[in-house]
C-alpha cells in the first residue's frame, strides 16, 4: 500500500494519465520522486526530453506545483506563479 507521500502520480491533483506518462518518460513514477526534483525540475526534464514541443506552463509547471501542494493549479497565487516562471527562465 502506498504511503501518503508516496502516492501514484495519478492520485495527485492535476495529474492525469497524459501528464503521468510524461513524468514516467523522465524517470518520475511517484509522488516522492516528483517531490525530490520539484515542479521546476520536472518541467525542465520534460522540456529537455521534448525540445521541439511547446508546453503551456499551466499544464505542466503549475500542475506539478499544485500536485505537490494539494491545490488545483489555478489556486496558486499569482506571486507563486511568477516565482515558478522566473525559476524556469
PDB file of N, CA and C in Angstrom:
ATOM      1  N   UNK A   1       0.846  -1.189   0.000  1.00  0.00           N
ATOM      2  CA  UNK A   1       0.000   0.000   0.000  1.00  0.00           C
ATOM      3  C   UNK A   1       0.885   1.243   0.000  1.00  0.00           C
ATOM      4  N   UNK A   2       0.530   2.215  -0.819  1.00  0.00           N
ATOM      5  CA  UNK A   2       1.325   3.435  -0.920  1.00  0.00           C
ATOM      6  C   UNK A   2       1.189   4.267   0.348  1.00  0.00           C
ATOM      7  N   UNK A   3       2.298   4.858   0.764  1.00  0.00           N
ATOM      8  CA  UNK A   3       2.256   5.765   1.906  1.00  0.00           C
ATOM      9  C   UNK A   3       1.678   7.086   1.449  1.00  0.00           C
ATOM     10  N   UNK A   4       1.172   7.920   2.367  1.00  0.00           N
ATOM     11  CA  UNK A   4       0.565   9.186   1.961  1.00  0.00           C
ATOM     12  C   UNK A   4       1.473  10.074   1.108  1.00  0.00           C
ATOM     13  N   UNK A   5       2.795   9.983   1.277  1.00  0.00           N
ATOM     14  CA  UNK A   5       3.690  10.829   0.497  1.00  0.00           C
ATOM     15  C   UNK A   5       4.320  10.068  -0.667  1.00  0.00           C
ATOM     16  N   UNK A   6       3.892   8.843  -0.874  1.00  0.00           N
ATOM     17  CA  UNK A   6       4.443   8.085  -1.983  1.00  0.00           C
ATOM     18  C   UNK A   6       3.306   7.547  -2.853  1.00  0.00           C
ATOM     19  N   UNK A   7       2.333   8.402  -3.097  1.00  0.00           N
ATOM     20  CA  UNK A   7       1.177   8.008  -3.909  1.00  0.00           C
ATOM     21  C   UNK A   7       1.556   7.912  -5.376  1.00  0.00           C
ATOM     22  N   UNK A   8       0.721   7.199  -6.113  1.00  0.00           N
ATOM     23  CA  UNK A   8       0.871   7.167  -7.562  1.00  0.00           C
ATOM     24  C   UNK A   8       0.652   8.586  -8.086  1.00  0.00           C
ATOM     25  N   UNK A   9       1.279   8.902  -9.190  1.00  0.00           N
ATOM     26  CA  UNK A   9       1.150  10.244  -9.761  1.00  0.00           C
ATOM     27  C   UNK A   9      -0.301  10.593 -10.056  1.00  0.00           C
ATOM     28  N   UNK A  10      -1.049   9.643 -10.582  1.00  0.00           N
ATOM     29  CA  UNK A  10      -2.442   9.935 -10.933  1.00  0.00           C
ATOM     30  C   UNK A  10      -3.347  10.094  -9.716  1.00  0.00           C
ATOM     31  N   UNK A  11      -2.834   9.805  -8.512  1.00  0.00           N
ATOM     32  CA  UNK A  11      -3.591  10.058  -7.289  1.00  0.00           C
ATOM     33  C   UNK A  11      -3.434  11.514  -6.839  1.00  0.00           C
ATOM     34  N   UNK A  12      -2.508  12.233  -7.445  1.00  0.00           N
ATOM     35  CA  UNK A  12      -2.262  13.635  -7.083  1.00  0.00           C
ATOM     36  C   UNK A  12      -3.182  14.549  -7.884  1.00  0.00           C
ATOM     37  N   UNK A  13      -3.495  15.687  -7.304  1.00  0.00           N
ATOM     38  CA  UNK A  13      -4.292  16.685  -8.018  1.00  0.00           C
ATOM     39  C   UNK A  13      -3.569  17.125  -9.281  1.00  0.00           C
ATOM     40  N   UNK A  14      -4.310  17.429 -10.301  1.00  0.00           N
ATOM     41  CA  UNK A  14      -3.813  17.993 -11.564  1.00  0.00           C
ATOM     42  C   UNK A  14      -3.063  17.002 -12.454  1.00  0.00           C
ATOM     43  N   UNK A  15      -2.879  15.781 -12.011  1.00  0.00           N
ATOM     44  CA  UNK A  15      -2.083  14.852 -12.802  1.00  0.00           C
ATOM     45  C   UNK A  15      -2.947  13.698 -13.292  1.00  0.00           C
ATOM     46  N   UNK A  16      -3.205  13.738 -14.586  1.00  0.00           N
ATOM     47  CA  UNK A  16      -3.950  12.664 -15.228  1.00  0.00           C
ATOM     48  C   UNK A  16      -2.992  11.722 -15.927  1.00  0.00           C
ATOM     49  N   UNK A  17      -3.538  10.848 -16.714  1.00  0.00           N
ATOM     50  CA  UNK A  17      -2.727   9.832 -17.382  1.00  0.00           C
ATOM     51  C   UNK A  17      -1.674  10.416 -18.320  1.00  0.00           C
ATOM     52  N   UNK A  18      -2.035  11.454 -19.074  1.00  0.00           N
ATOM     53  CA  UNK A  18      -1.085  12.030 -20.035  1.00  0.00           C
ATOM     54  C   UNK A  18       0.112  12.671 -19.324  1.00  0.00           C
ATOM     55  N   UNK A  19      -0.154  13.458 -18.307  1.00  0.00           N
ATOM     56  CA  UNK A  19       0.944  14.105 -17.579  1.00  0.00           C
ATOM     57  C   UNK A  19       1.758  13.055 -16.838  1.00  0.00           C
ATOM     58  N   UNK A  20       1.097  12.057 -16.262  1.00  0.00           N
ATOM     59  CA  UNK A  20       1.819  10.987 -15.574  1.00  0.00           C
ATOM     60  C   UNK A  20       2.737  10.250 -16.549  1.00  0.00           C
ATOM     61  N   UNK A  21       2.260  10.027 -17.765  1.00  0.00           N
ATOM     62  CA  UNK A  21       3.088   9.350 -18.773  1.00  0.00           C
ATOM     63  C   UNK A  21       4.315  10.186 -19.113  1.00  0.00           C
ATOM     64  N   UNK A  22       4.155  11.499 -19.214  1.00  0.00           N
ATOM     65  CA  UNK A  22       5.302  12.380 -19.477  1.00  0.00           C
ATOM     66  C   UNK A  22       6.300  12.317 -18.326  1.00  0.00           C
ATOM     67  N   UNK A  23       5.809  12.316 -17.111  1.00  0.00           N
ATOM     68  CA  UNK A  23       6.699  12.207 -15.956  1.00  0.00           C
ATOM     69  C   UNK A  23       7.415  10.861 -15.952  1.00  0.00           C
ATOM     70  N   UNK A  24       6.700   9.804 -16.274  1.00  0.00           N
ATOM     71  CA  UNK A  24       7.310   8.469 -16.339  1.00  0.00           C
ATOM     72  C   UNK A  24       8.439   8.437 -17.357  1.00  0.00           C
ATOM     73  N   UNK A  25       8.270   9.129 -18.475  1.00  0.00           N
ATOM     74  CA  UNK A  25       9.296   9.167 -19.520  1.00  0.00           C
ATOM     75  C   UNK A  25      10.623   9.703 -19.006  1.00  0.00           C
ATOM     76  N   UNK A  26      10.568  10.586 -18.026  1.00  0.00           N
ATOM     77  CA  UNK A  26      11.799  11.186 -17.500  1.00  0.00           C
ATOM     78  C   UNK A  26      12.209  10.578 -16.156  1.00  0.00           C
ATOM     79  N   UNK A  27      11.605   9.439 -15.810  1.00  0.00           N
ATOM     80  CA  UNK A  27      12.021   8.703 -14.625  1.00  0.00           C
ATOM     81  C   UNK A  27      11.310   9.054 -13.332  1.00  0.00           C
ATOM     82  N   UNK A  28      10.216   9.776 -13.425  1.00  0.00           N
ATOM     83  CA  UNK A  28       9.446  10.140 -12.231  1.00  0.00           C
ATOM     84  C   UNK A  28       8.179   9.286 -12.229  1.00  0.00           C
ATOM     85  N   UNK A  29       8.056   8.436 -11.209  1.00  0.00           N
ATOM     86  CA  UNK A  29       6.937   7.496 -11.224  1.00  0.00           C
ATOM     87  C   UNK A  29       6.045   7.549  -9.985  1.00  0.00           C
ATOM     88  N   UNK A  30       6.389   8.416  -9.023  1.00  0.00           N
ATOM     89  CA  UNK A  30       5.565   8.507  -7.814  1.00  0.00           C
ATOM     90  C   UNK A  30       5.739   9.902  -7.196  1.00  0.00           C
ATOM     91  N   UNK A  31       4.930  10.161  -6.201  1.00  0.00           N
ATOM     92  CA  UNK A  31       4.944  11.467  -5.532  1.00  0.00           C
ATOM     93  C   UNK A  31       6.311  11.793  -4.946  1.00  0.00           C
ATOM     94  N   UNK A  32       6.941  10.828  -4.286  1.00  0.00           N
ATOM     95  CA  UNK A  32       8.242  11.098  -3.671  1.00  0.00           C
ATOM     96  C   UNK A  32       9.268  11.552  -4.705  1.00  0.00           C
ATOM     97  N   UNK A  33       9.275  10.907  -5.849  1.00  0.00           N
ATOM     98  CA  UNK A  33      10.233  11.281  -6.900  1.00  0.00           C
ATOM     99  C   UNK A  33       9.929  12.669  -7.442  1.00  0.00           C
ATOM    100  N   UNK A  34       8.650  13.000  -7.573  1.00  0.00           N
ATOM    101  CA  UNK A  34       8.279  14.350  -8.017  1.00  0.00           C
ATOM    102  C   UNK A  34       8.714  15.376  -6.973  1.00  0.00           C
ATOM    103  N   UNK A  35       8.540  15.065  -5.706  1.00  0.00           N
ATOM    104  CA  UNK A  35       8.977  15.984  -4.641  1.00  0.00           C
ATOM    105  C   UNK A  35      10.493  16.196  -4.679  1.00  0.00           C
ATOM    106  N   UNK A  36      11.232  15.132  -4.963  1.00  0.00           N
ATOM    107  CA  UNK A  36      12.690  15.245  -4.994  1.00  0.00           C
ATOM    108  C   UNK A  36      13.161  16.206  -6.083  1.00  0.00           C
ATOM    109  N   UNK A  37      12.562  16.161  -7.255  1.00  0.00           N
ATOM    110  CA  UNK A  37      13.005  17.039  -8.343  1.00  0.00           C
ATOM    111  C   UNK A  37      12.270  18.370  -8.330  1.00  0.00           C
ATOM    112  N   UNK A  38      11.094  18.407  -7.727  1.00  0.00           N
ATOM    113  CA  UNK A  38      10.316  19.635  -7.654  1.00  0.00           C
ATOM    114  C   UNK A  38       9.597  19.950  -8.955  1.00  0.00           C
ATOM    115  N   UNK A  39       8.689  20.899  -8.873  1.00  0.00           N
ATOM    116  CA  UNK A  39       7.884  21.278 -10.032  1.00  0.00           C
ATOM    117  C   UNK A  39       8.759  21.826 -11.158  1.00  0.00           C
ATOM    118  N   UNK A  40       9.690  22.691 -10.816  1.00  0.00           N
ATOM    119  CA  UNK A  40      10.561  23.306 -11.822  1.00  0.00           C
ATOM    120  C   UNK A  40      11.460  22.254 -12.464  1.00  0.00           C
ATOM    121  N   UNK A  41      12.042  21.397 -11.658  1.00  0.00           N
ATOM    122  CA  UNK A  41      12.909  20.346 -12.177  1.00  0.00           C
ATOM    123  C   UNK A  41      12.171  19.407 -13.111  1.00  0.00           C
ATOM    124  N   UNK A  42      10.972  19.003 -12.725  1.00  0.00           N
ATOM    125  CA  UNK A  42      10.182  18.104 -13.568  1.00  0.00           C
ATOM    126  C   UNK A  42       9.821  18.781 -14.882  1.00  0.00           C
ATOM    127  N   UNK A  43       9.445  20.041 -14.811  1.00  0.00           N
ATOM    128  CA  UNK A  43       9.112  20.804 -16.022  1.00  0.00           C
ATOM    129  C   UNK A  43      10.322  20.869 -16.958  1.00  0.00           C
ATOM    130  N   UNK A  44      11.469  21.164 -16.399  1.00  0.00           N
ATOM    131  CA  UNK A  44      12.703  21.230 -17.206  1.00  0.00           C
ATOM    132  C   UNK A  44      13.037  19.886 -17.843  1.00  0.00           C
ATOM    133  N   UNK A  45      12.901  18.816 -17.067  1.00  0.00           N
ATOM    134  CA  UNK A  45      13.219  17.487 -17.580  1.00  0.00           C
ATOM    135  C   UNK A  45      12.339  17.124 -18.775  1.00  0.00           C
ATOM    136  N   UNK A  46      11.069  17.454 -18.679  1.00  0.00           N
ATOM    137  CA  UNK A  46      10.150  17.146 -19.783  1.00  0.00           C
ATOM    138  C   UNK A  46      10.469  18.011 -20.990  1.00  0.00           C
ATOM    139  N   UNK A  47      10.762  19.277 -20.764  1.00  0.00           N
ATOM    140  CA  UNK A  47      11.128  20.162 -21.886  1.00  0.00           C
ATOM    141  C   UNK A  47      12.406  19.674 -22.572  1.00  0.00           C
ATOM    142  N   UNK A  48      13.360  19.203 -21.795  1.00  0.00           N
ATOM    143  CA  UNK A  48      14.604  18.679 -22.383  1.00  0.00           C
ATOM    144  C   UNK A  48      14.345  17.410 -23.187  1.00  0.00           C
ATOM    145  N   UNK A  49      13.442  16.582 -22.727  1.00  0.00           N
ATOM    146  CA  UNK A  49      13.107  15.333 -23.421  1.00  0.00           C
ATOM    147  C   UNK A  49      12.357  15.611 -24.729  1.00  0.00           C
ATOM    148  N   UNK A  50      11.595  16.696 -24.751  1.00  0.00           N
ATOM    149  CA  UNK A  50      10.774  17.060 -25.918  1.00  0.00           C
ATOM    150  C   UNK A  50      11.072  18.524 -26.310  1.00  0.00           C
ATOM    151  N   UNK A  51      12.273  18.791 -26.802  1.00  0.00           N
ATOM    152  CA  UNK A  51      12.679  20.185 -27.054  1.00  0.00           C
ATOM    153  C   UNK A  51      11.877  20.897 -28.141  1.00  0.00           C
ATOM    154  N   UNK A  52      11.244  20.179 -29.019  1.00  0.00           N
ATOM    155  CA  UNK A  52      10.508  20.813 -30.115  1.00  0.00           C
ATOM    156  C   UNK A  52       9.030  21.015 -29.815  1.00  0.00           C
ATOM    157  N   UNK A  53       8.611  20.673 -28.610  1.00  0.00           N
ATOM    158  CA  UNK A  53       7.211  20.841 -28.227  1.00  0.00           C
ATOM    159  C   UNK A  53       7.051  22.055 -27.320  1.00  0.00           C
ATOM    160  N   UNK A  54       5.906  22.671 -27.414  1.00  0.00           N
ATOM    161  CA  UNK A  54       5.578  23.792 -26.547  1.00  0.00           C
ATOM    162  C   UNK A  54       4.686  23.268 -25.430  1.00  0.00           C
ATOM    163  N   UNK A  55       5.068  23.554 -24.204  1.00  0.00           N
ATOM    164  CA  UNK A  55       4.305  23.099 -23.050  1.00  0.00           C
ATOM    165  C   UNK A  55       3.751  24.303 -22.306  1.00  0.00           C
ATOM    166  N   UNK A  56       2.437  24.485 -22.305  1.00  0.00           N
ATOM    167  CA  UNK A  56       1.870  25.595 -21.531  1.00  0.00           C
ATOM    168  C   UNK A  56       2.251  25.450 -20.061  1.00  0.00           C
ATOM    169  N   UNK A  57       2.687  26.542 -19.456  1.00  0.00           N
ATOM    170  CA  UNK A  57       3.142  26.458 -18.067  1.00  0.00           C
ATOM    171  C   UNK A  57       2.041  25.968 -17.145  1.00  0.00           C
ATOM    172  N   UNK A  58       0.799  26.328 -17.443  1.00  0.00           N
ATOM    173  CA  UNK A  58      -0.280  25.885 -16.560  1.00  0.00           C
ATOM    174  C   UNK A  58      -0.469  24.378 -16.641  1.00  0.00           C
ATOM    175  N   UNK A  59      -0.162  23.800 -17.797  1.00  0.00           N
ATOM    176  CA  UNK A  59      -0.402  22.382 -17.981  1.00  0.00           C
ATOM    177  C   UNK A  59       0.644  21.523 -17.290  1.00  0.00           C
ATOM    178  N   UNK A  60       1.833  22.007 -17.169  1.00  0.00           N
ATOM    179  CA  UNK A  60       2.888  21.227 -16.532  1.00  0.00           C
ATOM    180  C   UNK A  60       3.395  21.897 -15.262  1.00  0.00           C
ATOM    181  N   UNK A  61       4.053  23.004 -15.390  1.00  0.00           N
ATOM    182  CA  UNK A  61       4.682  23.657 -14.242  1.00  0.00           C
ATOM    183  C   UNK A  61       3.697  23.904 -13.105  1.00  0.00           C
ATOM    184  N   UNK A  62       2.591  24.550 -13.397  1.00  0.00           N
ATOM    185  CA  UNK A  62       1.617  24.845 -12.348  1.00  0.00           C
ATOM    186  C   UNK A  62       0.936  23.569 -11.857  1.00  0.00           C
ATOM    187  N   UNK A  63       0.712  22.632 -12.764  1.00  0.00           N
ATOM    188  CA  UNK A  63       0.100  21.362 -12.352  1.00  0.00           C
ATOM    189  C   UNK A  63       0.986  20.620 -11.368  1.00  0.00           C
ATOM    190  N   UNK A  64       2.281  20.604 -11.635  1.00  0.00           N
ATOM    191  CA  UNK A  64       3.203  19.928 -10.724  1.00  0.00           C
ATOM    192  C   UNK A  64       3.223  20.613  -9.363  1.00  0.00           C
ATOM    193  N   UNK A  65       3.307  21.936  -9.371  1.00  0.00           N
ATOM    194  CA  UNK A  65       3.328  22.687  -8.110  1.00  0.00           C
ATOM    195  C   UNK A  65       2.037  22.457  -7.335  1.00  0.00           C
ATOM    196  N   UNK A  66       0.919  22.490  -8.040  1.00  0.00           N
ATOM    197  CA  UNK A  66      -0.362  22.237  -7.396  1.00  0.00           C
ATOM    198  C   UNK A  66      -0.444  20.826  -6.835  1.00  0.00           C
ATOM    199  N   UNK A  67       0.081  19.868  -7.586  1.00  0.00           N
ATOM    200  CA  UNK A  67       0.075  18.477  -7.115  1.00  0.00           C
ATOM    201  C   UNK A  67       0.862  18.347  -5.815  1.00  0.00           C
ATOM    202  N   UNK A  68       1.978  19.037  -5.739  1.00  0.00           N
ATOM    203  CA  UNK A  68       2.830  18.955  -4.555  1.00  0.00           C
ATOM    204  C   UNK A  68       2.260  19.711  -3.360  1.00  0.00           C
ATOM    205  N   UNK A  69       1.401  20.685  -3.622  1.00  0.00           N
ATOM    206  CA  UNK A  69       0.796  21.448  -2.522  1.00  0.00           C
ATOM    207  C   UNK A  69      -0.687  21.113  -2.342  1.00  0.00           C
ATOM    208  N   UNK A  70      -1.155  20.081  -3.057  1.00  0.00           N
ATOM    209  CA  UNK A  70      -2.542  19.617  -2.982  1.00  0.00           C
ATOM    210  C   UNK A  70      -3.542  20.735  -3.270  1.00  0.00           C
ATOM    211  N   UNK A  71      -3.273  21.454  -4.367  1.00  0.00           N
ATOM    212  CA  UNK A  71      -4.162  22.528  -4.819  1.00  0.00           C
ATOM    213  C   UNK A  71      -4.401  22.364  -6.305  1.00  0.00           C
ATOM    214  N   UNK A  72      -5.557  22.832  -6.759  1.00  0.00           N
ATOM    215  CA  UNK A  72      -5.760  22.933  -8.192  1.00  0.00           C
ATOM    216  C   UNK A  72      -4.767  23.969  -8.695  1.00  0.00           C
ATOM    217  N   UNK A  73      -4.214  23.748  -9.879  1.00  0.00           N
ATOM    218  CA  UNK A  73      -3.156  24.648 -10.364  1.00  0.00           C
ATOM    219  C   UNK A  73      -3.605  26.093 -10.406  1.00  0.00           C
ATOM    220  N   UNK A  74      -4.895  26.344 -10.641  1.00  0.00           N
ATOM    221  CA  UNK A  74      -5.387  27.716 -10.745  1.00  0.00           C
ATOM    222  C   UNK A  74      -5.527  28.382  -9.372  1.00  0.00           C
ATOM    223  N   UNK A  75      -5.394  27.614  -8.297  1.00  0.00           N
ATOM    224  CA  UNK A  75      -5.462  28.170  -6.948  1.00  0.00           C
ATOM    225  C   UNK A  75      -4.119  28.720  -6.473  1.00  0.00           C
ATOM    226  N   UNK A  76      -3.058  28.472  -7.242  1.00  0.00           N
ATOM    227  CA  UNK A  76      -1.751  29.022  -6.876  1.00  0.00           C
ATOM    228  C   UNK A  76      -1.820  30.538  -6.969  1.00  0.00           C
ATOM    229  N   UNK A  77      -1.171  31.215  -6.051  1.00  0.00           N
ATOM    230  CA  UNK A  77      -1.196  32.678  -6.079  1.00  0.00           C
ATOM    231  C   UNK A  77      -0.428  33.193  -7.299  1.00  0.00           C
ATOM    232  N   UNK A  78      -0.786  34.363  -7.730  1.00  0.00           N
ATOM    233  CA  UNK A  78      -0.082  34.951  -8.872  1.00  0.00           C
ATOM    234  C   UNK A  78       1.395  35.144  -8.534  1.00  0.00           C
ATOM    235  N   UNK A  79       1.686  35.467  -7.292  1.00  0.00           N
ATOM    236  CA  UNK A  79       3.080  35.628  -6.868  1.00  0.00           C
ATOM    237  C   UNK A  79       3.847  34.312  -7.029  1.00  0.00           C
ATOM    238  N   UNK A  80       3.227  33.197  -6.604  1.00  0.00           N
ATOM    239  CA  UNK A  80       3.887  31.894  -6.723  1.00  0.00           C
ATOM    240  C   UNK A  80       4.068  31.520  -8.187  1.00  0.00           C
ATOM    241  N   UNK A  81       3.079  31.808  -9.007  1.00  0.00           N
ATOM    242  CA  UNK A  81       3.195  31.524 -10.446  1.00  0.00           C
ATOM    243  C   UNK A  81       4.364  32.318 -11.048  1.00  0.00           C
ATOM    244  N   UNK A  82       4.494  33.559 -10.644  1.00  0.00           N
ATOM    245  CA  UNK A  82       5.609  34.390 -11.145  1.00  0.00           C
ATOM    246  C   UNK A  82       6.951  33.809 -10.693  1.00  0.00           C
ATOM    247  N   UNK A  83       7.024  33.374  -9.441  1.00  0.00           N
ATOM    248  CA  UNK A  83       8.257  32.768  -8.931  1.00  0.00           C
ATOM    249  C   UNK A  83       8.627  31.526  -9.747  1.00  0.00           C
ATOM    250  N   UNK A  84       7.648  30.697 -10.017  1.00  0.00           N
ATOM    251  CA  UNK A  84       7.890  29.471 -10.784  1.00  0.00           C
ATOM    252  C   UNK A  84       8.366  29.797 -12.201  1.00  0.00           C
ATOM    253  N   UNK A  85       7.702  30.751 -12.850  1.00  0.00           N
ATOM    254  CA  UNK A  85       8.109  31.141 -14.211  1.00  0.00           C
ATOM    255  C   UNK A  85       9.517  31.699 -14.215  1.00  0.00           C
ATOM    256  N   UNK A  86       9.881  32.464 -13.181  1.00  0.00           N
ATOM    257  CA  UNK A  86      11.234  33.030 -13.095  1.00  0.00           C
ATOM    258  C   UNK A  86      12.258  31.916 -12.921  1.00  0.00           C
ATOM    259  N   UNK A  87      11.936  30.891 -12.155  1.00  0.00           N
ATOM    260  CA  UNK A  87      12.862  29.784 -11.948  1.00  0.00           C
ATOM    261  C   UNK A  87      13.080  28.978 -13.217  1.00  0.00           C
ATOM    262  N   UNK A  88      12.031  28.853 -14.025  1.00  0.00           N
ATOM    263  CA  UNK A  88      12.136  28.117 -15.285  1.00  0.00           C
ATOM    264  C   UNK A  88      12.971  28.923 -16.275  1.00  0.00           C
ATOM    265  N   UNK A  89      12.820  30.240 -16.223  1.00  0.00           N
ATOM    266  CA  UNK A  89      13.620  31.093 -17.093  1.00  0.00           C
ATOM    267  C   UNK A  89      12.975  31.461 -18.334  1.00  0.00           C
TER     268      UNK A  89
END
